[in-house]
N, C-alpha and C. Protein backbone atom coordinates (compact mmCIF):
# COMPACT_ATOMS: atom_id res chain seq x y z
N MET A 1 106.77 102.51 94.98
CA MET A 1 106.75 102.00 96.34
C MET A 1 105.29 101.83 96.77
N ASN A 2 105.02 100.74 97.44
CA ASN A 2 103.70 100.46 97.96
C ASN A 2 103.58 101.11 99.34
N GLU A 3 102.81 102.18 99.43
CA GLU A 3 102.68 102.96 100.67
C GLU A 3 102.11 102.15 101.83
N ASP A 4 101.31 101.14 101.54
CA ASP A 4 100.63 100.37 102.59
C ASP A 4 101.38 99.13 103.02
N LEU A 5 102.55 98.89 102.46
CA LEU A 5 103.28 97.65 102.74
C LEU A 5 103.72 97.56 104.19
N PHE A 6 104.16 98.69 104.76
CA PHE A 6 104.64 98.70 106.15
C PHE A 6 103.63 99.43 107.02
N GLN A 7 103.23 98.80 108.12
CA GLN A 7 102.24 99.43 108.99
C GLN A 7 102.87 100.29 110.07
N SER A 8 104.12 100.01 110.43
CA SER A 8 104.78 100.80 111.46
C SER A 8 106.29 100.61 111.37
N TYR A 9 106.99 101.45 112.11
CA TYR A 9 108.44 101.34 112.19
C TYR A 9 108.89 101.66 113.60
N GLU A 10 110.08 101.23 113.91
CA GLU A 10 110.70 101.51 115.20
C GLU A 10 112.19 101.74 114.95
N ILE A 11 112.74 102.76 115.57
CA ILE A 11 114.16 103.05 115.44
C ILE A 11 114.79 102.89 116.81
N LYS A 12 115.83 102.07 116.86
CA LYS A 12 116.54 101.80 118.12
C LYS A 12 118.03 101.94 117.90
N GLU A 13 118.74 101.98 119.00
CA GLU A 13 120.20 101.92 118.93
C GLU A 13 120.63 100.66 119.67
N ARG A 14 121.41 99.83 118.97
CA ARG A 14 121.92 98.59 119.57
C ARG A 14 123.42 98.54 119.34
N ASN A 15 124.17 98.41 120.42
CA ASN A 15 125.63 98.31 120.32
C ASN A 15 126.23 99.43 119.48
N GLY A 16 125.69 100.63 119.64
CA GLY A 16 126.23 101.79 118.94
C GLY A 16 125.80 101.90 117.48
N LYS A 17 124.93 101.01 117.02
CA LYS A 17 124.45 101.06 115.63
C LYS A 17 122.96 101.36 115.62
N LEU A 18 122.54 102.10 114.62
CA LEU A 18 121.13 102.41 114.43
C LEU A 18 120.44 101.20 113.81
N VAL A 19 119.28 100.83 114.36
CA VAL A 19 118.49 99.71 113.85
C VAL A 19 117.09 100.23 113.52
N ILE A 20 116.65 99.97 112.31
CA ILE A 20 115.31 100.35 111.88
C ILE A 20 114.51 99.07 111.67
N ILE A 21 113.42 98.94 112.41
CA ILE A 21 112.56 97.76 112.31
C ILE A 21 111.28 98.17 111.61
N LEU A 22 111.00 97.53 110.47
CA LEU A 22 109.79 97.80 109.70
C LEU A 22 108.83 96.63 109.87
N GLU A 23 107.60 96.94 110.30
CA GLU A 23 106.57 95.91 110.50
C GLU A 23 105.67 95.87 109.27
N LEU A 24 105.59 94.69 108.65
CA LEU A 24 104.72 94.53 107.48
C LEU A 24 103.26 94.64 107.89
N ASN A 25 102.47 95.18 107.01
CA ASN A 25 101.04 95.28 107.23
C ASN A 25 100.42 93.89 107.00
N PRO A 26 99.82 93.30 108.03
CA PRO A 26 99.27 91.94 107.87
C PRO A 26 98.04 91.89 106.97
N GLN A 27 97.46 93.03 106.65
CA GLN A 27 96.29 93.07 105.78
C GLN A 27 96.66 93.03 104.30
N MET A 28 97.94 93.13 104.00
CA MET A 28 98.36 93.09 102.61
C MET A 28 98.12 91.70 102.05
N GLU A 29 97.54 91.64 100.89
CA GLU A 29 97.19 90.36 100.26
C GLU A 29 98.39 89.44 100.12
N GLU A 30 99.54 90.00 99.78
CA GLU A 30 100.72 89.19 99.53
C GLU A 30 101.18 88.42 100.76
N PHE A 31 100.90 88.96 101.96
CA PHE A 31 101.43 88.38 103.17
C PHE A 31 100.34 87.77 104.05
N ALA A 32 99.10 87.86 103.64
CA ALA A 32 98.02 87.40 104.48
C ALA A 32 97.69 85.92 104.29
N ALA A 33 98.19 85.30 103.24
CA ALA A 33 97.83 83.92 102.93
C ALA A 33 98.25 82.96 104.03
N GLU A 34 99.47 83.06 104.48
CA GLU A 34 99.99 82.15 105.50
C GLU A 34 101.13 82.87 106.21
N PRO A 35 101.18 82.82 107.56
CA PRO A 35 102.24 83.54 108.27
C PRO A 35 103.62 83.13 107.78
N GLY A 36 104.43 84.15 107.48
CA GLY A 36 105.80 83.89 107.05
C GLY A 36 105.95 83.54 105.58
N LEU A 37 104.85 83.43 104.84
CA LEU A 37 104.91 83.06 103.43
C LEU A 37 104.79 84.31 102.57
N VAL A 38 105.77 84.55 101.76
CA VAL A 38 105.74 85.68 100.83
C VAL A 38 105.36 85.11 99.47
N THR A 39 104.20 85.50 98.96
CA THR A 39 103.71 84.89 97.73
C THR A 39 103.95 85.73 96.49
N HIS A 40 103.88 87.05 96.58
CA HIS A 40 104.05 87.88 95.41
C HIS A 40 105.35 88.66 95.40
N HIS A 41 105.91 88.94 96.56
CA HIS A 41 107.15 89.70 96.64
C HIS A 41 108.33 88.76 96.76
N GLN A 42 109.32 88.98 95.95
CA GLN A 42 110.57 88.27 96.13
C GLN A 42 111.35 89.01 97.21
N ILE A 43 112.29 88.33 97.86
CA ILE A 43 113.06 88.97 98.92
C ILE A 43 113.79 90.20 98.41
N GLY A 44 114.33 90.14 97.21
CA GLY A 44 115.03 91.31 96.65
C GLY A 44 114.11 92.50 96.53
N SER A 45 112.88 92.31 96.07
CA SER A 45 111.97 93.44 95.92
C SER A 45 111.48 93.93 97.27
N LEU A 46 111.39 93.06 98.24
CA LEU A 46 111.02 93.49 99.59
C LEU A 46 112.12 94.38 100.16
N GLU A 47 113.36 94.04 99.90
CA GLU A 47 114.48 94.90 100.32
C GLU A 47 114.41 96.24 99.61
N ASP A 48 114.11 96.23 98.32
CA ASP A 48 113.99 97.47 97.57
C ASP A 48 112.88 98.34 98.13
N GLU A 49 111.73 97.74 98.45
CA GLU A 49 110.61 98.48 99.04
C GLU A 49 111.02 99.09 100.38
N ALA A 50 111.73 98.33 101.19
CA ALA A 50 112.18 98.83 102.50
C ALA A 50 113.15 100.00 102.32
N ARG A 51 114.08 99.87 101.39
CA ARG A 51 115.03 100.96 101.13
C ARG A 51 114.30 102.23 100.68
N GLN A 52 113.35 102.09 99.78
CA GLN A 52 112.59 103.25 99.30
C GLN A 52 111.80 103.90 100.43
N TYR A 53 111.18 103.08 101.26
CA TYR A 53 110.40 103.58 102.40
C TYR A 53 111.29 104.40 103.33
N ILE A 54 112.46 103.87 103.65
CA ILE A 54 113.39 104.57 104.54
C ILE A 54 113.91 105.84 103.90
N GLU A 55 114.23 105.79 102.61
CA GLU A 55 114.71 106.99 101.92
C GLU A 55 113.67 108.11 101.95
N GLU A 56 112.38 107.76 101.84
CA GLU A 56 111.32 108.76 101.87
C GLU A 56 111.07 109.28 103.29
N LYS A 57 111.03 108.38 104.27
CA LYS A 57 110.71 108.77 105.64
C LYS A 57 111.90 109.40 106.37
N PHE A 58 113.09 108.89 106.11
CA PHE A 58 114.28 109.31 106.85
C PHE A 58 115.44 109.58 105.88
N PRO A 59 115.35 110.63 105.08
CA PRO A 59 116.38 110.86 104.07
C PRO A 59 117.77 111.13 104.64
N MET A 60 117.87 111.51 105.90
CA MET A 60 119.17 111.82 106.49
C MET A 60 119.88 110.58 107.04
N ILE A 61 119.18 109.47 107.18
CA ILE A 61 119.81 108.25 107.69
C ILE A 61 120.53 107.55 106.54
N GLU A 62 121.84 107.39 106.71
CA GLU A 62 122.64 106.75 105.66
C GLU A 62 123.21 105.41 106.10
N ASP A 63 123.32 105.20 107.40
CA ASP A 63 123.95 103.98 107.89
C ASP A 63 123.10 103.40 109.01
N ALA A 64 122.56 102.22 108.77
CA ALA A 64 121.73 101.54 109.76
C ALA A 64 121.59 100.08 109.36
N VAL A 65 121.09 99.30 110.28
CA VAL A 65 120.71 97.92 109.99
C VAL A 65 119.18 97.91 109.93
N VAL A 66 118.64 97.31 108.88
CA VAL A 66 117.19 97.29 108.68
C VAL A 66 116.68 95.87 108.87
N SER A 67 115.62 95.74 109.66
CA SER A 67 114.95 94.45 109.83
C SER A 67 113.50 94.60 109.40
N VAL A 68 113.05 93.69 108.56
CA VAL A 68 111.65 93.65 108.15
C VAL A 68 111.03 92.46 108.88
N VAL A 69 109.94 92.73 109.61
CA VAL A 69 109.30 91.68 110.39
C VAL A 69 107.81 91.59 110.04
N ALA A 70 107.26 90.41 110.24
CA ALA A 70 105.83 90.17 110.08
C ALA A 70 105.35 89.48 111.34
N GLU A 71 104.53 90.18 112.10
CA GLU A 71 104.01 89.64 113.36
C GLU A 71 105.15 89.14 114.24
N ASP A 72 106.16 89.96 114.40
CA ASP A 72 107.34 89.70 115.23
C ASP A 72 108.25 88.59 114.71
N ILE A 73 108.00 88.11 113.50
CA ILE A 73 108.87 87.11 112.88
C ILE A 73 109.80 87.83 111.90
N PRO A 74 111.11 87.78 112.13
CA PRO A 74 112.03 88.45 111.20
C PRO A 74 112.03 87.75 109.84
N LEU A 75 111.84 88.55 108.79
CA LEU A 75 111.85 88.01 107.43
C LEU A 75 113.12 88.37 106.68
N LEU A 76 113.67 89.54 106.99
CA LEU A 76 114.79 90.06 106.23
C LEU A 76 115.56 91.05 107.08
N THR A 77 116.88 90.95 107.06
CA THR A 77 117.75 91.92 107.73
C THR A 77 118.89 92.24 106.77
N PHE A 78 119.18 93.54 106.63
CA PHE A 78 120.23 93.96 105.72
C PHE A 78 120.81 95.30 106.16
N PRO A 79 122.05 95.59 105.77
CA PRO A 79 122.63 96.90 106.08
C PRO A 79 122.07 97.94 105.11
N LEU A 80 121.78 99.12 105.62
CA LEU A 80 121.23 100.18 104.78
C LEU A 80 122.29 100.81 103.90
N HIS A 81 123.48 100.97 104.42
CA HIS A 81 124.53 101.66 103.67
C HIS A 81 124.99 100.83 102.48
N GLU A 82 125.44 101.52 101.47
CA GLU A 82 126.02 100.87 100.30
C GLU A 82 127.52 100.81 100.50
N VAL A 83 128.12 99.71 100.15
CA VAL A 83 129.58 99.58 100.24
C VAL A 83 130.16 100.07 98.93
N HIS A 84 131.02 101.10 99.04
CA HIS A 84 131.64 101.66 97.84
C HIS A 84 133.09 101.17 97.77
N GLN A 85 133.47 100.66 96.61
CA GLN A 85 134.83 100.19 96.42
C GLN A 85 135.62 101.25 95.69
N ASN A 86 136.88 101.42 96.07
CA ASN A 86 137.75 102.37 95.39
C ASN A 86 138.21 101.77 94.07
N SER A 87 138.19 102.59 93.04
CA SER A 87 138.62 102.10 91.71
C SER A 87 140.09 102.26 91.52
């Protein structure tokens, strides 16, 4: 996990659901080239980085909606919980 990827976070409750907003660090080389342009990270790996960050910072949170933003522009939103299917 890249420790410097996210510069801040905010946790809110919206409509009874927990929302975690992760703000990307604008000084990161990958995101500094052009606003909204991701040059080195694929969306899948950005989601993986966000999941790892949340697991380290908030290990007790299992169900939330995560939004990754860059300068208030939403880049990615996904549910934190894993959907388990019965076999």
